[in-house]
Structures are given as C-alpha cells and as structure tokens.
Amino acid sequence: VIPMEFFQEFKEEGIKVSPDPKDAPFFALALKLKGTIWSNEPRLKRQSKVKVLSTRDLLKELGIDGR
C-alpha cells in the first residue's frame, strides 16, 4: 500500500485522465511513477496519458504464449 501523500501532486491529473473515478488513484500513481497499469477493463485504454496493458498484452510483451 502506497500512501496518497506519495503521489498527491498527481491526484487532479489522475481524476482528469481516468475513465472511471474509482480508478483515479491508480492513474495518479502511474503518472507519478511513469508506470503502466495492468487491467482487463477496456475502458481504461480510452485515454493516452498512461499505458494500460491487459493480461494478454502483458503476456505478449513478456514473450509468453497466453494460451
């Protein structure tokens, strides 16, 4: 668990970027860390600020056959 204080400066941007308000903290943290979100929710890919990978995408990036 990462305290909100760690990525507080990205809270507002996370709210603006996130297609779903409940996911805004995850987007804020990803923005802070310049990281990627792992999720199978297609709607999270409806933005261009944070890379979102599905399980299938992640397996492909790792070179693992997901069958």
Protein backbone atom coordinates (compact mmCIF):
# COMPACT_ATOMS: atom_id res chain seq x y z
CA VAL A 1 0.00 0.00 0.00
CA ILE A 2 1.37 3.36 -1.04
CA PRO A 3 0.26 6.43 0.93
CA MET A 4 -1.63 9.07 -1.07
CA GLU A 5 0.91 11.66 0.09
CA PHE A 6 3.49 9.98 -2.17
CA PHE A 7 1.56 10.86 -5.34
CA GLN A 8 -0.71 13.66 -4.11
CA GLU A 9 0.63 16.12 -6.70
CA PHE A 10 -0.85 13.90 -9.45
CA LYS A 11 -4.28 13.49 -7.84
CA GLU A 12 -6.07 16.08 -10.01
CA GLU A 13 -4.48 14.84 -13.22
CA GLY A 14 -5.38 11.26 -12.28
CA ILE A 15 -9.01 12.34 -11.89
CA LYS A 16 -8.96 14.05 -15.32
CA VAL A 17 -7.27 11.12 -17.08
CA SER A 18 -9.13 8.20 -15.53
CA PRO A 19 -12.18 6.98 -17.47
CA ASP A 20 -13.59 5.76 -14.14
CA PRO A 21 -13.40 7.93 -10.99
CA LYS A 22 -12.72 4.92 -8.77
CA ASP A 23 -9.51 4.26 -10.72
CA ALA A 24 -8.19 7.83 -10.42
CA PRO A 25 -5.70 6.97 -7.62
CA PHE A 26 -4.17 4.23 -9.79
CA PHE A 27 -3.78 6.69 -12.65
CA ALA A 28 -2.27 9.28 -10.32
CA LEU A 29 0.29 6.76 -9.08
CA ALA A 30 1.08 5.60 -12.62
CA LEU A 31 1.63 9.23 -13.63
CA LYS A 32 3.94 9.79 -10.64
CA LEU A 33 5.98 6.64 -11.41
CA LYS A 34 5.73 6.99 -15.20
CA GLY A 35 4.39 3.46 -14.98
CA THR A 36 1.88 1.15 -16.59
CA ILE A 37 -1.47 -0.12 -15.33
CA TRP A 38 -2.34 -3.80 -15.66
CA SER A 39 -6.08 -4.18 -16.17
CA ASN A 40 -8.50 -6.09 -18.35
CA GLU A 41 -11.00 -3.20 -18.35
CA PRO A 42 -11.05 -1.91 -21.97
CA ARG A 43 -12.41 1.49 -20.91
CA LEU A 44 -9.15 2.28 -19.13
CA LYS A 45 -7.44 2.36 -22.52
CA ARG A 46 -9.69 5.26 -23.60
CA GLN A 47 -7.03 7.77 -22.63
CA SER A 48 -3.49 8.39 -23.84
CA LYS A 49 -1.58 9.56 -20.75
CA VAL A 50 -0.97 6.18 -19.08
CA LYS A 51 -0.16 2.90 -20.77
CA VAL A 52 -2.70 0.20 -19.86
CA LEU A 53 -1.97 -3.45 -20.56
CA SER A 54 -4.44 -6.32 -20.45
CA THR A 55 -3.23 -9.74 -19.32
CA ARG A 56 -2.98 -10.75 -22.98
CA ASP A 57 -0.93 -7.60 -23.77
CA LEU A 58 1.36 -8.28 -20.81
CA LEU A 59 1.96 -11.90 -21.81
CA LYS A 60 2.72 -10.76 -25.36
CA GLU A 61 5.22 -8.15 -24.10
CA LEU A 62 6.89 -10.81 -21.96
CA GLY A 63 7.07 -13.18 -24.92
CA ILE A 64 4.81 -15.75 -23.25
CA ASP A 65 2.16 -17.59 -25.25
CA GLY A 66 -1.08 -16.87 -23.40
CA ARG A 67 -2.99 -19.96 -24.47
